[in-house]
Amino acid sequence: MVLLYIFAIVVLINCGFYFLFSVFLFSNSSTKEKSESFPVSLIICAKNEAKNLKTHIPFWLDQEYPDFEIILINDASSDHSLEVMESFAKKHSCIKIVDVENNEAFWGSKKYALTLGIKKAKHERMIFTDADCKPASNKWLEEMTANFTKEKQLVLGFGGYQKKSGLLNKLIRFETLLTAIQYFSYAKAGIPYMGVGRNLGYTRKLFFDTNGFTSHIKIPSGDDDLFVNQVATKKNTALCFSKDSFTKSIPKKTWKGWFLQKKRHLTTAKHYQFKHKFLLGLYASSQVLFWVLAIISIIFLDWKLPLILIGFRFIIHYLIIGSAAKKLEQKDLILLLPFWELFLLFIQMSIFISNTISKPTSWK
């Protein structure tokens, strides 16, 4: 019976997190001041992204917004990224280019390149995305920028991935869905902890008042999540997840490429504030323990009682995560939610073990 009690506690903890995530389901994007259109700087840092820049710059230029500039940062690219930027800049006066050369002190640092781009921006409010990101609509910039107020200096958006065929694509989108559910829910609950650089906004004042990336400049990744973890508060953070505000990125095409990307991303988690690490660790542990104890309980106990707990947890899981998937336009993932969860846990454990052996040293 002790095993059953332990299993029940794990199920309750796990479901407790799902109830926390439900605050996202019953919320709307933050209050917007649509009566006024603030000038805004759109900032994109690119390293060897010539093809993506050629594809996506027209979508950024096509935004229906009265006053914006585009800051294109060429981060020491070895391809034709700079030439692509210059070809568009000749035709569009709103485009400004920051050409970053490798610096011995900040070799391969995206944060160094971004800092130079931010210094170049002339507007107080800034929206950030990546070179491989396409806005979901020509209202994207308006939707994101409208969430800035005198108090709200940080805007968290949803950066999804394009839908393609294959197992890898679905797993990437499922992991992105779970991440978004968590950072939106925690922020809604008053404890924001991260955002994604594919769709993020903050003010110059917030950046310079908090010394930008200085505290984690030597960490290869984290220009988005570590910065948000450092500066976000209940009062200064706004959420934007209207469908027109989404961005869609090009997903990795190979397992190796995605595995290396996640290795880089997960190295930043240990630098989060303690309360965030505790909550994220508790949730991950409750997921792993649920699956392990579910199997053990079915084998060694009367299967009827464990099955009730398993069924209860799956119902809550489907209701919360499934509803969030609909809200973030990921409906095709709902049917096999338990499979995606279990598969992702296996991948994450593999990445964790791999990261103890070797760590990435650059952002590209």
Protein backbone atom coordinates (compact mmCIF):
# COMPACT_ATOMS: atom_id res chain seq x y z
CA MET A 1 0.00 0.00 0.00
CA VAL A 2 2.95 2.34 0.56
CA LEU A 3 3.72 2.12 -3.14
CA LEU A 4 0.13 3.09 -3.95
CA TYR A 5 0.28 6.09 -1.60
CA ILE A 6 3.53 7.27 -3.17
CA PHE A 7 2.05 6.85 -6.64
CA ALA A 8 -1.05 8.82 -5.60
CA ILE A 9 1.11 11.68 -4.29
CA VAL A 10 3.07 11.79 -7.55
CA VAL A 11 -0.18 11.87 -9.56
CA LEU A 12 -1.51 14.72 -7.40
CA ILE A 13 1.70 16.72 -7.82
CA ASN A 14 1.69 16.13 -11.56
CA CYS A 15 -1.97 17.11 -11.88
CA GLY A 16 -1.32 20.13 -9.68
CA PHE A 17 0.99 21.46 -12.38
CA TYR A 18 -1.68 20.85 -15.02
CA PHE A 19 -4.14 22.87 -12.95
CA LEU A 20 -1.50 25.62 -12.85
CA PHE A 21 -1.22 25.42 -16.63
CA SER A 22 -4.99 25.83 -16.90
CA VAL A 23 -4.64 29.54 -16.04
CA PHE A 24 -3.35 29.93 -19.58
CA LEU A 25 -6.48 28.34 -21.03
CA PHE A 26 -8.84 30.78 -19.35
CA SER A 27 -6.84 33.90 -20.14
CA ASN A 28 -6.52 36.27 -23.06
CA SER A 29 -3.56 38.24 -24.31
CA SER A 30 -2.64 41.15 -22.05
CA THR A 31 -4.66 44.38 -22.18
CA LYS A 32 -3.67 46.43 -25.19
CA GLU A 33 -3.56 50.14 -25.81
CA LYS A 34 -4.65 50.08 -29.44
CA SER A 35 -5.56 53.74 -29.49
CA GLU A 36 -1.91 54.64 -29.97
CA SER A 37 0.66 53.14 -32.33
CA PHE A 38 4.13 53.40 -30.88
CA PRO A 39 7.13 53.49 -33.23
CA VAL A 40 9.01 50.23 -32.94
CA SER A 41 12.33 48.68 -33.94
CA LEU A 42 12.23 45.14 -35.34
CA ILE A 43 15.58 43.46 -34.66
CA ILE A 44 16.86 40.30 -36.34
CA CYS A 45 20.29 38.78 -35.73
CA ALA A 46 21.48 36.49 -38.53
CA LYS A 47 24.50 34.25 -38.94
CA ASN A 48 24.81 32.49 -42.29
CA GLU A 49 21.12 32.95 -43.07
CA ALA A 50 21.22 34.28 -46.64
CA LYS A 51 18.47 31.98 -47.92
CA ASN A 52 16.13 32.62 -44.98
CA LEU A 53 16.71 36.37 -45.10
CA LYS A 54 15.81 36.48 -48.78
CA THR A 55 12.60 34.59 -47.99
CA HIS A 56 11.48 36.38 -44.83
CA ILE A 57 12.52 40.03 -45.19
CA PRO A 58 9.54 40.65 -47.53
CA PHE A 59 7.16 39.38 -44.81
CA TRP A 60 8.69 41.74 -42.24
CA LEU A 61 8.46 44.63 -44.67
CA ASP A 62 4.82 43.75 -45.37
CA GLN A 63 3.72 44.39 -41.79
CA GLU A 64 0.75 46.75 -41.54
CA TYR A 65 2.26 49.15 -39.03
CA PRO A 66 2.63 52.91 -39.44
CA ASP A 67 6.12 53.47 -38.03
CA PHE A 68 8.79 50.82 -37.74
CA GLU A 69 12.40 50.22 -38.67
CA ILE A 70 14.14 46.91 -39.31
CA ILE A 71 17.57 46.37 -37.79
CA LEU A 72 19.36 43.53 -39.60
CA ILE A 73 22.45 42.28 -37.76
CA ASN A 74 24.99 40.35 -39.77
CA ASP A 75 26.82 38.34 -37.14
CA ALA A 76 30.13 37.63 -38.92
CA SER A 77 28.46 35.49 -41.58
CA SER A 78 30.61 33.54 -44.02
CA ASP A 79 27.84 33.24 -46.63
CA HIS A 80 26.01 35.98 -48.57
CA SER A 81 23.87 37.21 -45.68
CA LEU A 82 25.35 40.71 -45.78
CA GLU A 83 24.81 41.02 -49.54
CA VAL A 84 21.16 40.00 -49.15
CA MET A 85 20.68 42.59 -46.40
CA GLU A 86 22.29 45.31 -48.49
CA SER A 87 20.17 44.50 -51.54
CA PHE A 88 16.98 45.06 -49.51
CA ALA A 89 18.39 48.11 -47.71
CA LYS A 90 18.97 49.85 -51.06
CA LYS A 91 15.26 49.60 -51.83
CA HIS A 92 13.82 50.21 -48.36
CA SER A 93 14.97 53.11 -46.22
CA CYS A 94 13.46 51.56 -43.08
CA ILE A 95 16.17 48.88 -43.09
CA LYS A 96 19.39 49.50 -41.15
CA ILE A 97 22.33 47.11 -41.16
CA VAL A 98 24.74 46.32 -38.35
CA ASP A 99 27.74 44.40 -39.68
CA VAL A 100 29.44 42.61 -36.80
CA GLU A 101 32.97 41.32 -37.17
CA ASN A 102 34.38 38.61 -34.95
CA ASN A 103 35.67 40.06 -31.72
CA GLU A 104 38.37 38.19 -29.81
CA ALA A 105 36.71 38.92 -26.47
CA PHE A 106 33.22 37.89 -27.69
CA TRP A 107 34.01 35.26 -30.31
CA GLY A 108 30.83 33.76 -31.75
CA SER A 109 28.60 35.56 -29.23
CA LYS A 110 25.08 36.31 -30.41
CA LYS A 111 24.60 38.46 -27.33
CA TYR A 112 27.44 40.76 -28.37
CA ALA A 113 25.93 41.10 -31.86
CA LEU A 114 22.45 41.74 -30.45
CA THR A 115 23.78 44.40 -28.10
CA LEU A 116 25.26 46.29 -31.07
CA GLY A 117 21.92 46.01 -32.86
CA ILE A 118 20.02 47.31 -29.85
CA LYS A 119 22.37 50.29 -29.63
CA LYS A 120 21.65 51.02 -33.29
CA ALA A 121 17.85 50.97 -32.79
CA LYS A 122 16.31 54.43 -32.55
CA HIS A 123 12.96 53.46 -31.00
CA GLU A 124 12.29 52.71 -27.34
CA ARG A 125 10.19 49.61 -28.02
CA MET A 126 11.82 46.65 -29.73
CA ILE A 127 10.50 43.38 -31.16
CA PHE A 128 12.87 40.45 -31.76
CA THR A 129 12.63 37.45 -34.05
CA ASP A 130 14.98 35.10 -35.93
CA ALA A 131 15.99 34.99 -39.57
CA ASP A 132 14.13 31.71 -40.13
CA CYS A 133 10.86 33.04 -38.68
CA LYS A 134 7.80 33.99 -40.71
CA PRO A 135 5.06 36.09 -39.09
CA ALA A 136 1.68 34.37 -39.02
CA SER A 137 0.07 37.52 -40.43
CA ASN A 138 0.81 41.09 -41.47
CA LYS A 139 -0.71 42.14 -38.14
CA TRP A 140 2.06 40.44 -36.15
CA LEU A 141 4.04 43.59 -35.37
CA GLU A 142 0.88 45.45 -34.39
CA GLU A 143 -0.30 42.65 -32.11
CA MET A 144 3.02 42.36 -30.29
CA THR A 145 3.71 46.09 -29.99
CA ALA A 146 0.21 46.90 -28.75
CA ASN A 147 0.98 45.08 -25.49
CA PHE A 148 3.59 47.63 -24.44
CA THR A 149 2.36 50.08 -21.80
CA LYS A 150 4.09 52.40 -19.36
CA GLU A 151 4.30 49.49 -16.94
CA LYS A 152 4.61 46.54 -19.34
CA GLN A 153 8.13 46.68 -20.77
CA LEU A 154 8.46 43.00 -21.69
CA VAL A 155 6.19 41.11 -24.10
CA LEU A 156 6.25 37.31 -24.42
CA GLY A 157 4.98 35.90 -27.70
CA PHE A 158 4.53 32.42 -29.17
CA GLY A 159 7.13 31.18 -31.61
CA GLY A 160 5.93 27.95 -33.20
CA TYR A 161 7.33 25.77 -35.96
CA GLN A 162 6.04 25.02 -39.42
CA LYS A 163 4.06 21.81 -39.79
CA LYS A 164 5.86 19.18 -41.85
CA SER A 165 5.48 15.44 -42.23
CA GLY A 166 7.36 13.01 -40.04
CA LEU A 167 7.91 12.04 -36.42
CA LEU A 168 10.67 14.58 -35.76
CA ASN A 169 8.51 17.52 -36.79
CA LYS A 170 5.71 16.49 -34.46
CA LEU A 171 8.10 15.96 -31.57
CA ILE A 172 9.68 19.40 -32.12
CA ARG A 173 6.26 21.05 -32.17
CA PHE A 174 5.13 19.12 -29.09
CA GLU A 175 8.20 20.23 -27.12
CA THR A 176 7.61 23.81 -28.28
CA LEU A 177 3.95 23.56 -27.26
CA LEU A 178 4.83 22.35 -23.74
CA THR A 179 7.45 25.06 -23.33
CA ALA A 180 4.98 27.75 -24.37
CA ILE A 181 2.26 26.42 -22.05
CA GLN A 182 4.71 26.60 -19.17
CA TYR A 183 6.16 30.07 -19.72
CA PHE A 184 2.75 31.60 -20.47
CA SER A 185 1.17 29.90 -17.43
CA TYR A 186 3.95 30.83 -15.02
CA ALA A 187 3.88 34.41 -16.29
CA LYS A 188 0.10 34.55 -15.90
CA ALA A 189 0.52 33.25 -12.35
CA GLY A 190 2.94 36.10 -11.61
CA ILE A 191 6.24 34.19 -11.84
CA PRO A 192 7.53 34.72 -15.40
CA TYR A 193 10.73 32.82 -16.07
CA MET A 194 11.51 32.71 -19.80
CA GLY A 195 10.58 33.72 -23.34
CA VAL A 196 11.73 32.75 -26.84
CA GLY A 197 13.82 34.94 -29.12
CA ARG A 198 11.70 33.88 -32.08
CA ASN A 199 8.96 36.20 -30.79
CA LEU A 200 9.89 38.56 -27.98
CA GLY A 201 9.65 42.26 -27.19
CA TYR A 202 11.21 44.59 -24.63
CA THR A 203 12.19 48.22 -24.22
CA ARG A 204 15.61 49.81 -24.51
CA LYS A 205 15.14 51.18 -21.00
CA LEU A 206 14.60 47.70 -19.56
CA PHE A 207 17.64 46.39 -21.42
CA PHE A 208 20.06 49.12 -20.36
CA ASP A 209 18.68 49.56 -16.83
CA THR A 210 19.42 45.88 -16.17
CA ASN A 211 22.82 45.91 -17.93
CA GLY A 212 21.57 43.77 -20.80
CA PHE A 213 23.36 40.45 -21.19
CA THR A 214 26.32 41.39 -18.99
CA SER A 215 25.63 38.87 -16.22
CA HIS A 216 25.55 35.93 -18.66
CA ILE A 217 27.55 37.22 -21.64
CA LYS A 218 29.95 34.26 -21.50
CA ILE A 219 27.16 31.68 -21.68
CA PRO A 220 26.73 30.76 -25.39
CA SER A 221 22.91 30.66 -25.37
CA GLY A 222 20.28 32.48 -23.35
CA ASP A 223 19.91 35.83 -25.09
CA ASP A 224 16.16 35.22 -24.73
CA ASP A 225 15.39 32.96 -21.76
CA LEU A 226 18.23 34.05 -19.45
CA PHE A 227 17.51 37.71 -20.13
CA VAL A 228 13.81 37.22 -19.39
CA ASN A 229 14.65 35.15 -16.31
CA GLN A 230 16.82 38.01 -15.09
CA VAL A 231 14.46 40.96 -15.68
CA ALA A 232 10.86 39.69 -15.84
CA THR A 233 8.46 40.49 -13.01
CA LYS A 234 4.73 40.17 -12.48
CA LYS A 235 4.30 43.91 -13.09
CA ASN A 236 6.50 44.45 -16.16
CA THR A 237 5.54 41.37 -18.22
CA ALA A 238 2.76 41.16 -20.81
CA LEU A 239 1.60 38.10 -22.77
CA CYS A 240 0.64 37.99 -26.44
CA PHE A 241 -0.80 34.79 -27.91
CA SER A 242 -3.47 35.95 -30.34
CA LYS A 243 -3.26 33.92 -33.55
CA ASP A 244 -2.13 36.91 -35.60
CA SER A 245 0.82 37.39 -33.25
CA PHE A 246 2.42 33.96 -33.81
CA THR A 247 5.65 33.38 -35.68
CA LYS A 248 6.48 30.14 -37.47
CA SER A 249 10.08 28.96 -37.73
CA ILE A 250 11.69 26.38 -39.95
CA PRO A 251 12.19 23.22 -37.84
CA LYS A 252 15.31 21.12 -37.84
CA LYS A 253 15.28 18.43 -40.50
CA THR A 254 17.59 15.92 -38.83
CA TRP A 255 17.57 14.29 -35.42
CA LYS A 256 21.21 15.23 -34.91
CA GLY A 257 20.54 18.89 -35.68
CA TRP A 258 17.63 19.06 -33.24
CA PHE A 259 19.52 17.12 -30.58
CA LEU A 260 22.43 19.59 -30.74
CA GLN A 261 20.01 22.54 -30.64
CA LYS A 262 18.33 21.20 -27.50
CA LYS A 263 21.71 20.51 -25.90
CA ARG A 264 22.53 24.20 -26.28
CA HIS A 265 19.14 25.35 -24.99
CA LEU A 266 19.13 23.11 -21.93
CA THR A 267 22.54 24.34 -20.74
CA THR A 268 20.89 27.63 -19.78
CA ALA A 269 18.36 26.12 -17.34
CA LYS A 270 20.90 25.74 -14.55
CA HIS A 271 21.36 29.53 -14.58
CA TYR A 272 17.68 30.25 -13.85
CA GLN A 273 16.60 31.64 -10.49
CA PHE A 274 16.30 28.94 -7.81
CA LYS A 275 12.50 29.11 -7.56
CA HIS A 276 12.19 28.54 -11.29
CA LYS A 277 14.66 25.65 -11.28
CA PHE A 278 12.79 24.07 -8.38
CA LEU A 279 9.38 24.28 -10.05
CA LEU A 280 10.63 23.10 -13.44
CA GLY A 281 12.59 20.29 -11.81
CA LEU A 282 9.61 19.20 -9.72
CA TYR A 283 7.36 19.08 -12.78
CA ALA A 284 9.90 17.08 -14.81
CA SER A 285 10.47 14.69 -11.90
CA SER A 286 6.74 14.17 -11.41
CA GLN A 287 6.42 13.26 -15.10
CA VAL A 288 9.22 10.69 -14.96
CA LEU A 289 8.01 9.23 -11.65
CA PHE A 290 4.46 8.96 -12.97
CA TRP A 291 5.48 6.69 -15.83
CA VAL A 292 7.89 4.63 -13.72
CA LEU A 293 5.47 4.16 -10.81
CA ALA A 294 2.53 3.51 -13.15
CA ILE A 295 4.33 0.50 -14.60
CA ILE A 296 5.56 -0.76 -11.21
CA SER A 297 2.15 -0.32 -9.59
CA ILE A 298 0.35 -2.22 -12.34
CA ILE A 299 2.82 -5.11 -12.00
CA PHE A 300 3.04 -5.41 -8.22
CA LEU A 301 -0.35 -4.16 -6.99
CA ASP A 302 -3.97 -4.90 -7.72
CA TRP A 303 -4.21 -3.24 -11.13
CA LYS A 304 -7.63 -1.68 -10.49
CA LEU A 305 -6.53 1.05 -8.05
CA PRO A 306 -3.44 2.16 -10.02
CA LEU A 307 -5.56 2.19 -13.17
CA ILE A 308 -7.97 4.68 -11.55
CA LEU A 309 -5.04 7.01 -10.78
CA ILE A 310 -3.61 6.58 -14.28
CA GLY A 311 -6.99 7.26 -15.86
CA PHE A 312 -7.53 10.36 -13.73
CA ARG A 313 -4.13 11.75 -14.68
CA PHE A 314 -4.65 11.05 -18.40
CA ILE A 315 -8.03 12.80 -18.35
CA ILE A 316 -6.52 15.92 -16.76
CA HIS A 317 -3.58 15.72 -19.17
CA TYR A 318 -5.82 15.57 -22.22
CA LEU A 319 -8.12 18.33 -20.99
CA ILE A 320 -5.36 20.83 -20.21
CA ILE A 321 -2.65 20.08 -22.77
CA GLY A 322 -5.20 19.23 -25.46
CA SER A 323 -7.08 22.50 -24.97
CA ALA A 324 -3.80 24.45 -25.01
CA ALA A 325 -2.83 22.67 -28.25
CA LYS A 326 -6.05 23.92 -29.84
CA LYS A 327 -5.40 27.45 -28.58
CA LEU A 328 -1.90 27.46 -30.09
CA GLU A 329 -3.03 25.76 -33.32
CA GLN A 330 -1.38 22.40 -32.71
CA LYS A 331 -4.51 20.24 -32.89
CA ASP A 332 -2.85 17.39 -34.79
CA LEU A 333 -0.75 16.55 -31.71
CA ILE A 334 -3.69 15.87 -29.40
CA LEU A 335 -4.49 12.25 -30.29
CA LEU A 336 -1.09 10.84 -29.26
CA LEU A 337 -0.30 13.13 -26.32
CA PRO A 338 0.90 10.31 -23.98
CA PHE A 339 3.21 9.01 -26.71
CA TRP A 340 4.73 12.45 -27.36
CA GLU A 341 5.22 13.00 -23.64
CA LEU A 342 6.97 9.68 -23.06
CA PHE A 343 9.14 10.01 -26.17
CA LEU A 344 10.13 13.57 -25.25
CA LEU A 345 11.07 12.52 -21.70
CA PHE A 346 13.38 9.88 -23.15
CA ILE A 347 15.01 12.42 -25.47
CA GLN A 348 15.42 14.98 -22.68
CA MET A 349 17.07 12.45 -20.40
CA SER A 350 19.44 11.54 -23.22
CA ILE A 351 20.29 15.22 -23.73
CA PHE A 352 20.83 15.71 -19.99
CA ILE A 353 23.30 12.81 -19.92
CA SER A 354 25.01 14.10 -23.06
CA ASN A 355 25.36 17.60 -21.59
CA THR A 356 27.27 16.22 -18.63
CA ILE A 357 29.89 14.98 -21.09
CA SER A 358 30.19 17.87 -23.57
CA LYS A 359 28.69 21.33 -23.98
CA PRO A 360 28.21 23.55 -27.07
CA THR A 361 30.35 26.70 -27.21
CA SER A 362 28.65 28.88 -29.82
CA TRP A 363 25.16 29.92 -30.90
CA LYS A 364 25.53 28.56 -34.41
